[in-house]
Amino acid sequence: MENGYVILGIIALLFLSMYGYAYLSTAMVKIKLNRDAKKEIEKEELRRQRSLKRQEMIDERVRKFNKRKEEIQHELMLLEKMKTKQKVS
C-alpha cells in the first residue's frame, strides 16, 4: 500500500511536469510574440519620427526658396520701376 502511494505520486508528478512543460512552451511563444510586437511598434514610431523630420526639412527648404523668390521678384519690380523712371526722364 505504501508503494502504491509512491507510484501514484510519481505518476502525478509526471503529469504535472508534462502540463508545466506544455504551458511553459506556449507561454514563451506568447512572450516572444509580445516582444516582437513591441519591437515592431518601436520601429514604426522611429520610422514615423524620421518621416516627420524629413518633412520638416523639406518644408524649411521650400519656405526659404519661396522667401528668396519673393525677394528676387521684389528686386526685379524695383529695377523695372527704375527703368521706367529713366525712360520717362
Protein backbone atom coordinates (compact mmCIF):
# COMPACT_ATOMS: atom_id res chain seq x y z
CA MET A 1 0.00 0.00 0.00
CA GLU A 2 2.86 2.29 0.84
CA ASN A 3 4.43 1.66 -2.57
CA GLY A 4 1.10 2.44 -4.25
CA TYR A 5 1.14 5.98 -2.88
CA VAL A 6 4.71 6.47 -4.05
CA ILE A 7 3.85 5.22 -7.55
CA LEU A 8 0.70 7.40 -7.59
CA GLY A 9 2.79 10.41 -6.50
CA ILE A 10 5.36 9.73 -9.23
CA ILE A 11 2.64 9.48 -11.87
CA ALA A 12 1.02 12.70 -10.60
CA LEU A 13 4.42 14.40 -10.70
CA LEU A 14 4.93 13.12 -14.26
CA PHE A 15 1.59 14.57 -15.42
CA LEU A 16 2.23 17.85 -13.63
CA SER A 17 5.66 18.15 -15.25
CA MET A 18 4.17 17.43 -18.70
CA TYR A 19 1.49 20.08 -18.13
CA GLY A 20 4.10 22.54 -16.90
CA TYR A 21 6.33 21.91 -19.90
CA ALA A 22 3.42 22.37 -22.33
CA TYR A 23 2.27 25.56 -20.57
CA LEU A 24 5.82 26.92 -20.43
CA SER A 25 6.37 26.46 -24.15
CA THR A 26 3.09 28.24 -25.05
CA ALA A 27 3.84 30.98 -22.54
CA MET A 28 7.28 31.50 -24.07
CA VAL A 29 5.73 31.78 -27.54
CA LYS A 30 3.27 34.43 -26.28
CA ILE A 31 6.08 36.35 -24.60
CA LYS A 32 8.13 36.23 -27.81
CA LEU A 33 5.16 37.45 -29.86
CA ASN A 34 4.56 40.32 -27.45
CA ARG A 35 8.24 41.27 -27.55
CA ASP A 36 8.24 41.17 -31.36
CA ALA A 37 5.08 43.30 -31.48
CA LYS A 38 6.69 45.90 -29.20
CA LYS A 39 9.79 45.98 -31.38
CA GLU A 40 7.64 46.45 -34.48
CA ILE A 41 5.76 49.31 -32.81
CA GLU A 42 9.07 50.94 -31.88
CA LYS A 43 10.31 50.56 -35.46
CA GLU A 44 7.13 52.14 -36.79
CA GLU A 45 7.45 55.03 -34.33
CA LEU A 46 11.08 55.56 -35.32
CA ARG A 47 10.12 55.45 -39.00
CA ARG A 48 7.34 57.98 -38.34
CA GLN A 49 9.74 60.28 -36.48
CA ARG A 50 12.24 60.13 -39.34
CA SER A 51 9.49 60.87 -41.82
CA LEU A 52 8.34 63.89 -39.82
CA LYS A 53 11.90 65.16 -39.54
CA ARG A 54 12.43 64.79 -43.29
CA GLN A 55 9.15 66.57 -43.96
CA GLU A 56 10.18 69.43 -41.66
CA MET A 57 13.47 69.76 -43.55
CA ILE A 58 11.63 69.83 -46.88
CA ASP A 59 9.17 72.42 -45.57
CA GLU A 60 12.05 74.57 -44.34
CA ARG A 61 13.75 74.40 -47.75
CA VAL A 62 10.52 75.28 -49.53
CA ARG A 63 9.94 78.20 -47.16
CA LYS A 64 13.47 79.52 -47.77
CA PHE A 65 13.06 79.06 -51.51
CA ASN A 66 9.74 80.96 -51.54
CA LYS A 67 11.21 83.75 -49.41
CA ARG A 68 14.15 84.11 -51.78
CA LYS A 69 11.78 84.02 -54.74
CA GLU A 70 9.74 86.88 -53.26
CA GLU A 71 12.91 88.88 -52.60
CA ILE A 72 14.04 88.42 -56.20
CA GLN A 73 10.60 89.42 -57.53
CA HIS A 74 10.66 92.50 -55.32
CA GLU A 75 14.14 93.44 -56.60
CA LEU A 76 13.00 92.90 -60.19
CA MET A 77 9.98 95.11 -59.59
CA LEU A 78 12.23 97.86 -58.18
CA LEU A 79 14.57 97.57 -61.15
CA GLU A 80 11.61 97.76 -63.52
CA LYS A 81 10.41 100.93 -61.78
CA MET A 82 13.86 102.45 -62.01
CA LYS A 83 13.98 101.55 -65.69
CA THR A 84 10.61 103.18 -66.36
CA LYS A 85 11.69 106.31 -64.44
CA GLN A 86 14.83 106.61 -66.54
CA LYS A 87 12.82 106.24 -69.73
CA VAL A 88 10.39 108.94 -68.66
CA SER A 89 13.15 111.35 -67.68
